[in-house]
Protein backbone atom coordinates (compact mmCIF):
# COMPACT_ATOMS: atom_id res chain seq x y z
CA MET A 1 22.98 176.11 -114.45
CA GLU A 2 25.11 175.98 -117.47
CA GLN A 3 25.85 179.69 -117.43
CA MET A 4 26.30 179.92 -113.62
CA ASN A 5 29.12 177.16 -114.12
CA LYS A 6 31.25 179.30 -116.63
CA THR A 7 34.17 181.58 -115.96
CA PRO A 8 33.50 185.15 -116.49
CA LEU A 9 35.99 184.84 -119.32
CA GLU A 10 33.71 182.14 -120.89
CA CYS A 11 30.36 184.08 -120.69
CA LEU A 12 31.81 187.01 -123.11
CA ASP A 13 30.48 187.05 -126.54
CA PRO A 14 32.86 185.33 -129.12
CA ARG A 15 33.22 188.57 -130.81
CA SER A 16 34.49 190.37 -127.98
CA LYS A 17 37.17 187.59 -127.68
CA MET A 18 38.13 188.08 -131.19
CA MET A 19 38.47 191.70 -130.86
CA MET A 20 40.66 191.34 -127.78
CA THR A 21 42.91 188.88 -129.43
CA LEU A 22 43.08 190.85 -132.67
CA CYS A 23 44.16 194.00 -130.58
CA ILE A 24 46.51 192.60 -128.35
CA SER A 25 48.08 190.66 -131.28
CA THR A 26 48.16 193.82 -133.22
CA LEU A 27 49.84 195.55 -130.56
CA ALA A 28 52.57 192.69 -130.05
CA ILE A 29 53.45 192.79 -133.80
CA ALA A 30 53.66 196.57 -133.86
CA PHE A 31 55.91 197.40 -131.34
CA SER A 32 59.34 195.87 -130.88
CA ARG A 33 60.54 197.48 -127.63
CA PRO A 34 61.00 194.85 -124.76
CA VAL A 35 59.52 197.18 -122.14
CA VAL A 36 56.24 197.88 -124.10
CA LEU A 37 56.03 193.95 -125.02
CA PHE A 38 56.19 193.27 -121.25
CA GLY A 39 53.61 196.06 -120.45
CA ILE A 40 51.18 194.15 -123.28
CA LEU A 41 52.10 190.72 -121.62
CA LEU A 42 51.23 191.60 -118.39
CA PHE A 43 47.74 193.40 -119.68
CA CYS A 44 46.80 189.78 -121.40
CA LEU A 45 47.87 188.01 -118.01
CA LEU A 46 45.80 190.28 -116.34
CA ILE A 47 42.61 189.72 -118.62
CA LEU A 48 43.17 186.12 -117.85
CA LEU A 49 43.29 186.01 -114.21
CA ALA A 50 40.26 188.29 -114.21
CA GLY A 51 38.39 186.17 -116.45
CA LYS A 52 39.40 182.96 -114.05
CA ALA A 53 41.32 181.21 -116.97
CA PRO A 54 43.10 177.92 -116.12
CA VAL A 55 46.60 179.44 -116.57
CA LYS A 56 48.50 176.80 -114.79
CA LEU A 57 46.77 174.15 -116.81
CA PHE A 58 47.30 176.08 -120.01
CA LEU A 59 50.98 176.52 -119.33
CA GLN A 60 51.11 172.76 -119.03
CA LYS A 61 49.69 171.70 -121.73
CA ILE A 62 52.25 174.02 -123.83
CA ARG A 63 55.42 172.97 -122.26
CA ALA A 64 57.02 171.87 -124.96
CA LEU A 65 56.16 175.31 -126.81
CA LEU A 66 57.60 177.14 -123.82
CA TYR A 67 60.83 175.04 -124.34
CA LEU A 68 60.78 175.84 -127.90
CA ILE A 69 60.55 179.62 -127.07
CA LEU A 70 63.48 179.24 -124.68
CA PHE A 71 65.54 177.80 -127.26
CA LEU A 72 64.68 180.40 -129.54
CA PHE A 73 65.74 183.04 -126.91
CA ILE A 74 69.12 181.49 -126.54
CA ILE A 75 69.88 181.46 -130.33
CA GLN A 76 69.07 184.94 -130.68
CA CYS A 77 71.19 185.81 -128.02
CA VAL A 78 73.98 183.86 -129.24
CA PHE A 79 74.01 184.59 -133.04
CA VAL A 80 73.28 188.50 -132.94
CA ARG A 81 76.71 190.03 -132.59
CA GLU A 82 76.19 193.64 -133.25
CA GLY A 83 76.00 196.14 -130.01
CA GLU A 84 77.62 196.53 -126.83
CA PRO A 85 79.21 193.24 -125.31
CA LEU A 86 77.30 192.31 -122.16
CA LEU A 87 78.88 188.79 -121.65
CA GLN A 88 82.56 188.08 -122.83
CA ILE A 89 85.23 185.70 -121.91
CA ASP A 90 88.42 186.97 -122.99
CA SER A 91 88.21 188.06 -126.52
CA LEU A 92 85.14 185.95 -127.10
CA ILE A 93 82.05 187.76 -127.09
CA ILE A 94 79.15 185.64 -126.15
CA ILE A 95 75.88 188.11 -125.72
CA THR A 96 75.40 191.75 -126.79
CA ARG A 97 73.03 194.28 -125.64
CA LEU A 98 71.31 194.18 -129.15
CA GLY A 99 71.10 190.56 -129.34
CA MET A 100 69.67 190.56 -125.65
CA GLU A 101 66.91 193.07 -126.61
CA ILE A 102 66.18 191.39 -130.11
CA ALA A 103 65.82 188.02 -127.90
CA LEU A 104 63.64 189.53 -125.49
CA SER A 105 61.47 190.97 -128.19
CA VAL A 106 61.32 187.92 -129.85
CA VAL A 107 60.08 185.89 -126.57
CA LEU A 108 57.90 188.36 -125.08
CA ARG A 109 55.98 188.70 -128.67
CA LEU A 110 55.47 184.88 -128.89
CA LEU A 111 54.10 184.79 -125.29
CA ILE A 112 51.62 187.44 -126.09
CA LEU A 113 50.51 185.63 -129.23
CA VAL A 114 50.17 182.25 -126.96
CA PHE A 115 48.60 183.71 -124.20
CA SER A 116 46.41 185.91 -126.42
CA GLY A 117 45.34 182.79 -128.11
CA MET A 118 44.47 181.30 -124.77
CA ILE A 119 41.55 184.01 -124.57
CA LEU A 120 39.99 182.27 -127.87
CA ALA A 121 40.59 178.96 -126.25
CA SER A 122 37.78 179.57 -123.53
CA GLY A 123 35.01 179.52 -126.24
CA GLN A 124 33.48 176.69 -128.18
CA VAL A 125 34.17 176.52 -131.64
CA ARG A 126 30.57 176.62 -133.02
CA ASP A 127 30.21 180.12 -131.11
CA TYR A 128 33.03 181.35 -133.22
CA LEU A 129 31.25 179.99 -136.33
CA LEU A 130 27.85 181.84 -135.27
CA ALA A 131 29.94 184.98 -134.51
CA LEU A 132 31.68 185.13 -138.18
CA VAL A 133 28.40 184.40 -139.57
CA GLN A 134 26.66 187.19 -137.73
CA CYS A 135 29.71 189.50 -138.54
CA ARG A 136 28.54 189.06 -142.21
CA VAL A 137 31.65 186.85 -143.03
CA PRO A 138 30.28 184.06 -145.76
CA TYR A 139 29.33 181.10 -144.00
CA GLU A 140 31.34 178.91 -146.53
CA LEU A 141 34.33 180.56 -145.39
CA ALA A 142 33.53 180.55 -141.71
CA PHE A 143 33.00 176.99 -141.87
CA MET A 144 36.14 176.16 -143.55
CA VAL A 145 38.18 178.19 -140.81
CA MET A 146 36.37 176.20 -138.16
CA MET A 147 37.24 173.05 -139.80
CA VAL A 148 40.88 174.00 -139.75
CA ILE A 149 40.94 174.48 -136.34
CA ARG A 150 38.96 171.39 -135.53
CA PHE A 151 41.20 169.39 -137.65
CA ILE A 152 44.36 170.27 -135.74
CA PRO A 153 43.86 168.29 -132.44
CA LEU A 154 42.38 165.56 -134.52
CA LEU A 155 45.63 165.06 -136.65
CA ARG A 156 47.67 165.40 -133.51
CA GLN A 157 45.54 162.54 -131.78
CA ASP A 158 45.91 160.71 -135.24
CA ALA A 159 49.74 161.32 -135.18
CA GLN A 160 50.23 160.07 -131.43
CA ASP A 161 48.10 156.75 -132.01
CA VAL A 162 50.32 156.03 -134.99
CA PHE A 163 53.51 156.51 -133.11
CA TYR A 164 52.36 154.64 -130.25
CA ALA A 165 51.13 151.73 -132.54
CA ALA A 166 54.61 151.92 -134.06
CA GLN A 167 56.37 151.38 -130.32
CA MET A 168 53.75 148.65 -129.52
CA ARG A 169 55.29 146.89 -132.45
CA GLY A 170 58.98 146.92 -131.20
CA THR A 171 59.96 150.28 -132.89
CA GLU A 172 62.13 152.57 -130.61
CA LEU A 173 63.07 155.73 -132.45
CA GLU A 174 65.19 156.83 -129.57
CA LYS A 175 67.71 154.01 -130.35
CA VAL A 176 67.86 153.89 -134.12
CA PRO A 177 70.33 156.01 -136.31
CA PHE A 178 69.12 159.34 -137.79
CA GLN A 179 68.83 158.16 -141.26
CA LYS A 180 66.54 155.17 -140.38
CA LYS A 181 64.74 157.30 -138.10
CA LEU A 182 63.86 159.65 -141.00
CA SER A 183 63.02 156.63 -142.98
CA ILE A 184 60.51 155.41 -140.10
CA LEU A 185 59.02 158.82 -139.91
CA LEU A 186 58.16 159.18 -143.47
CA ARG A 187 56.64 155.76 -143.37
CA LEU A 188 54.33 156.81 -140.25
CA LEU A 189 53.29 159.94 -142.47
CA LEU A 190 51.31 157.75 -144.68
CA PRO A 191 48.69 156.63 -142.36
CA ILE A 192 48.21 159.70 -140.82
CA ALA A 193 47.59 161.41 -144.34
CA ALA A 194 45.33 158.52 -145.18
CA GLY A 195 43.43 159.14 -142.17
CA ALA A 196 43.10 162.75 -142.67
CA LEU A 197 41.82 162.30 -146.54
CA GLU A 198 39.50 159.68 -144.95
CA ARG A 199 38.10 162.28 -142.71
CA VAL A 200 37.82 164.99 -145.39
CA ARG A 201 35.95 162.39 -147.47
CA ILE A 202 33.25 161.77 -144.72
CA MET A 203 33.01 165.31 -144.26
CA SER A 204 32.13 166.17 -147.75
CA ILE A 205 29.54 163.44 -148.07
CA ALA A 206 28.04 164.90 -144.83
CA MET A 207 27.96 168.48 -146.12
CA GLU A 208 26.57 167.31 -149.54
CA THR A 209 23.60 165.45 -147.58
CA ARG A 210 22.71 168.36 -145.54
CA MET A 211 22.83 170.83 -148.67
CA PHE A 212 25.76 172.92 -148.05
CA ARG A 213 25.80 175.97 -150.27
CA ALA A 214 22.49 174.89 -152.02
CA TYR A 215 21.32 178.53 -150.72
CA SER A 216 22.99 181.88 -150.00
CA GLY A 217 22.17 181.45 -146.25
CA ARG A 218 21.37 179.18 -143.60
CA THR A 219 19.58 179.15 -140.37
CA TYR A 220 20.76 178.33 -136.87
CA HIS A 221 19.31 177.27 -133.58
CA ARG A 222 21.02 180.19 -131.54
CA ILE A 223 21.64 183.55 -131.99
CA LEU A 224 24.25 185.50 -130.37
CA THR A 225 23.21 188.67 -128.32
CA LEU A 226 25.82 191.27 -127.19
CA SER A 227 25.53 192.51 -123.63
CA ASN A 228 26.28 195.88 -122.77
CA PHE A 229 30.20 194.49 -121.36
CA ASP A 230 30.60 193.17 -124.39
CA LYS A 231 29.49 196.38 -126.48
CA THR A 232 31.98 198.32 -124.27
CA ILE A 233 34.95 195.99 -125.21
CA LEU A 234 33.93 196.06 -128.84
CA LEU A 235 34.38 199.88 -128.71
CA LEU A 236 36.81 200.49 -126.09
CA PHE A 237 39.61 198.12 -127.20
CA PRO A 238 39.88 199.32 -130.64
CA VAL A 239 40.15 202.84 -129.19
CA CYS A 240 42.79 201.99 -126.65
CA THR A 241 44.89 200.37 -129.58
CA LEU A 242 44.77 203.21 -131.82
CA ALA A 243 45.88 205.36 -128.89
CA ALA A 244 48.75 203.04 -127.97
CA GLY A 245 49.94 203.08 -131.46
CA LEU A 246 49.77 207.10 -131.60
CA LEU A 247 51.39 207.41 -128.20
CA LEU A 248 54.07 204.78 -128.23
CA GLY A 249 54.75 204.57 -132.02
């Protein structure tokens, strides 16, 4: 029943999703032409739509990041002065062709990285831990990588709790001067850091009680198996990435 409720993207093996993300991200970093990057972005979106990923919900969650990407686009357009003028008021050049191309390249590359990360977000952390271990990655390293991923939303939640607690005590950051605001933010960092250190202490105790690193290997309740479609992805994506690099490079 649980398998039936999953989307096609969630049903893929974590190793397949890691391979797709690696290949798409590699292409995004390797190429700088806006036309090529736009094609890669469309391909990534097609994968998400075919896998029935909640793209609309994901965009709502990263709305602040999208605003930041838009801000970077404007900055690149305005501050790159080389190239043929595209927008000019009297003798003041506002946007150049080279600035527009660089801005588009930066924005498209960031969007590709964001949406390719959504492919990974469709899976569970424990599945990626198993996938890394089955790929012969030392389980200590795989565990540390997964803990970093798990810590990011926890730290974000801690920061929100501390910020809301400060607001309930009458601290309004929007109305205080910049110097005082900076001082308040520095003081708010202390409970966030203390909470993070406490989480690390508890986790280290839990790892010691479970005899972490006592043996060279560990046993697991589940073993991931590759379907024929997963094997096709693992073979096809690296070949297509290499071919695209040779043809478009």
